[in-house]
Amino acid sequence: MLCLDTYALVEIGRNNPDFTGLLNQDFVITDLTIAEFYLFLYKEGNEDLARYWLKKLESFYRNVSRNVLIKSLKYRADNKKENLSIFDAVGYIYSLENGLKFVTGDRAFKNKEGVLFIK
């Protein structure tokens, strides 16, 4: 099973064929990731599209536990040279903790364990 990050969601929203096929696979999205995706679309001036995706992907949301949040913040602090966002760290650690493939095109994750890197 896959865990999509915001990068993947943005590319799906842009109809990038390298990413749109992911919607036909088993996947989840952390609640923090969907919030970041909503913010991205909102900042782009498209709140209607943000609401559309929020509703469309609703059944794929997964809550992040406090334990995962703490591990994510520690991971981010321990790897500060990689300049990871909190959202990225949470998605990655959530994926590792749950045996999922973290799907991203973010270069910071290119050679990391448990990552499906698509560019």
Protein backbone atom coordinates (compact mmCIF):
# COMPACT_ATOMS: atom_id res chain seq x y z
CA MET A 1 0.00 0.00 0.00
CA LEU A 2 1.09 3.57 -0.71
CA CYS A 3 1.09 6.77 1.31
CA LEU A 4 0.90 9.81 -0.97
CA ASP A 5 2.64 13.03 -0.05
CA THR A 6 1.67 16.52 -1.13
CA TYR A 7 4.07 16.43 -4.07
CA ALA A 8 2.22 13.40 -5.43
CA LEU A 9 -1.18 15.03 -4.85
CA VAL A 10 -0.13 18.20 -6.66
CA GLU A 11 1.05 16.15 -9.65
CA ILE A 12 -2.19 14.16 -9.64
CA GLY A 13 -4.10 17.44 -9.63
CA ARG A 14 -2.03 18.58 -12.61
CA ASN A 15 -2.95 15.36 -14.45
CA ASN A 16 0.68 14.26 -14.66
CA PRO A 17 0.41 10.75 -16.16
CA ASP A 18 3.37 9.58 -14.07
CA PHE A 19 1.20 10.15 -10.98
CA THR A 20 -2.47 9.82 -12.00
CA GLY A 21 -2.23 6.02 -12.10
CA LEU A 22 -1.62 6.08 -8.35
CA LEU A 23 -5.34 6.71 -7.89
CA ASN A 24 -5.94 3.16 -9.16
CA GLN A 25 -3.76 1.65 -6.44
CA ASP A 26 -4.35 1.15 -2.73
CA PHE A 27 -3.23 4.32 -0.97
CA VAL A 28 -3.74 6.52 2.07
CA ILE A 29 -3.10 10.17 2.82
CA THR A 30 -2.26 11.52 6.26
CA ASP A 31 -4.57 14.17 7.61
CA LEU A 32 -1.64 16.60 7.71
CA THR A 33 -0.82 15.95 4.05
CA ILE A 34 -4.36 16.68 2.90
CA ALA A 35 -4.29 19.88 4.95
CA GLU A 36 -1.06 20.94 3.23
CA PHE A 37 -2.53 20.09 -0.19
CA TYR A 38 -5.62 22.16 0.62
CA LEU A 39 -3.38 25.07 1.63
CA PHE A 40 -1.38 24.76 -1.59
CA LEU A 41 -4.53 25.00 -3.72
CA TYR A 42 -5.93 27.81 -1.58
CA LYS A 43 -2.75 29.84 -2.03
CA GLU A 44 -3.00 29.24 -5.77
CA GLY A 45 -6.35 31.01 -5.57
CA ASN A 46 -8.47 27.95 -6.15
CA GLU A 47 -10.42 27.19 -3.01
CA ASP A 48 -13.20 25.50 -5.01
CA LEU A 49 -10.66 23.02 -6.39
CA ALA A 50 -9.27 22.56 -2.88
CA ARG A 51 -12.76 21.68 -1.61
CA TYR A 52 -13.27 19.32 -4.56
CA TRP A 53 -10.10 17.34 -3.75
CA LEU A 54 -10.86 17.39 -0.03
CA LYS A 55 -14.19 15.69 -0.70
CA LYS A 56 -12.89 13.35 -3.44
CA LEU A 57 -10.07 11.97 -1.28
CA GLU A 58 -11.96 11.90 2.02
CA SER A 59 -12.11 8.11 2.34
CA PHE A 60 -8.31 7.86 2.10
CA TYR A 61 -7.43 10.09 5.09
CA ARG A 62 -5.64 8.59 8.05
CA ASN A 63 -5.11 10.25 11.40
CA VAL A 64 -1.56 10.61 12.64
CA SER A 65 -0.91 9.53 16.21
CA ARG A 66 0.93 11.65 18.74
CA ASN A 67 3.70 9.04 18.76
CA VAL A 68 4.22 9.44 15.01
CA LEU A 69 4.16 13.23 15.36
CA ILE A 70 6.89 13.15 18.01
CA LYS A 71 9.02 10.71 15.99
CA SER A 72 8.55 12.92 12.93
CA LEU A 73 9.66 16.06 14.72
CA LYS A 74 12.72 14.25 16.06
CA TYR A 75 13.49 12.91 12.58
CA ARG A 76 13.21 16.40 11.13
CA ALA A 77 15.48 17.86 13.82
CA ASP A 78 18.03 15.06 13.40
CA ASN A 79 18.08 15.62 9.63
CA LYS A 80 17.84 19.42 9.55
CA LYS A 81 20.40 19.71 6.72
CA GLU A 82 17.78 18.11 4.44
CA ASN A 83 15.41 21.03 5.08
CA LEU A 84 12.33 18.78 5.36
CA SER A 85 8.95 20.28 6.08
CA ILE A 86 7.01 18.99 9.05
CA PHE A 87 4.42 17.66 6.61
CA ASP A 88 7.07 15.66 4.71
CA ALA A 89 8.60 14.29 7.89
CA VAL A 90 5.19 13.21 9.19
CA GLY A 91 4.24 11.48 5.93
CA TYR A 92 7.56 9.67 5.76
CA ILE A 93 7.57 8.48 9.38
CA TYR A 94 3.89 7.53 9.18
CA SER A 95 4.74 5.40 6.13
CA LEU A 96 7.65 3.68 7.84
CA GLU A 97 5.64 3.02 11.00
CA ASN A 98 2.81 1.46 9.00
CA GLY A 99 4.78 -0.52 6.42
CA LEU A 100 3.72 1.72 3.53
CA LYS A 101 5.62 3.07 0.53
CA PHE A 102 5.98 6.84 0.78
CA VAL A 103 5.27 8.27 -2.69
CA THR A 104 7.02 11.51 -3.56
CA GLY A 105 9.05 13.37 -6.14
CA ASP A 106 10.87 15.38 -3.50
CA ARG A 107 14.63 14.99 -4.03
CA ALA A 108 15.27 14.83 -0.29
CA PHE A 109 13.67 11.36 -0.28
CA LYS A 110 15.16 9.99 -3.50
CA ASN A 111 17.37 7.32 -1.94
CA LYS A 112 15.61 6.75 1.36
CA GLU A 113 14.28 3.47 2.65
CA GLY A 114 10.60 2.83 1.97
CA VAL A 115 10.20 5.49 -0.73
CA LEU A 116 8.67 5.23 -4.18
CA PHE A 117 10.34 8.17 -5.90
CA ILE A 118 8.64 9.42 -9.06
CA LYS A 119 9.86 12.42 -10.97
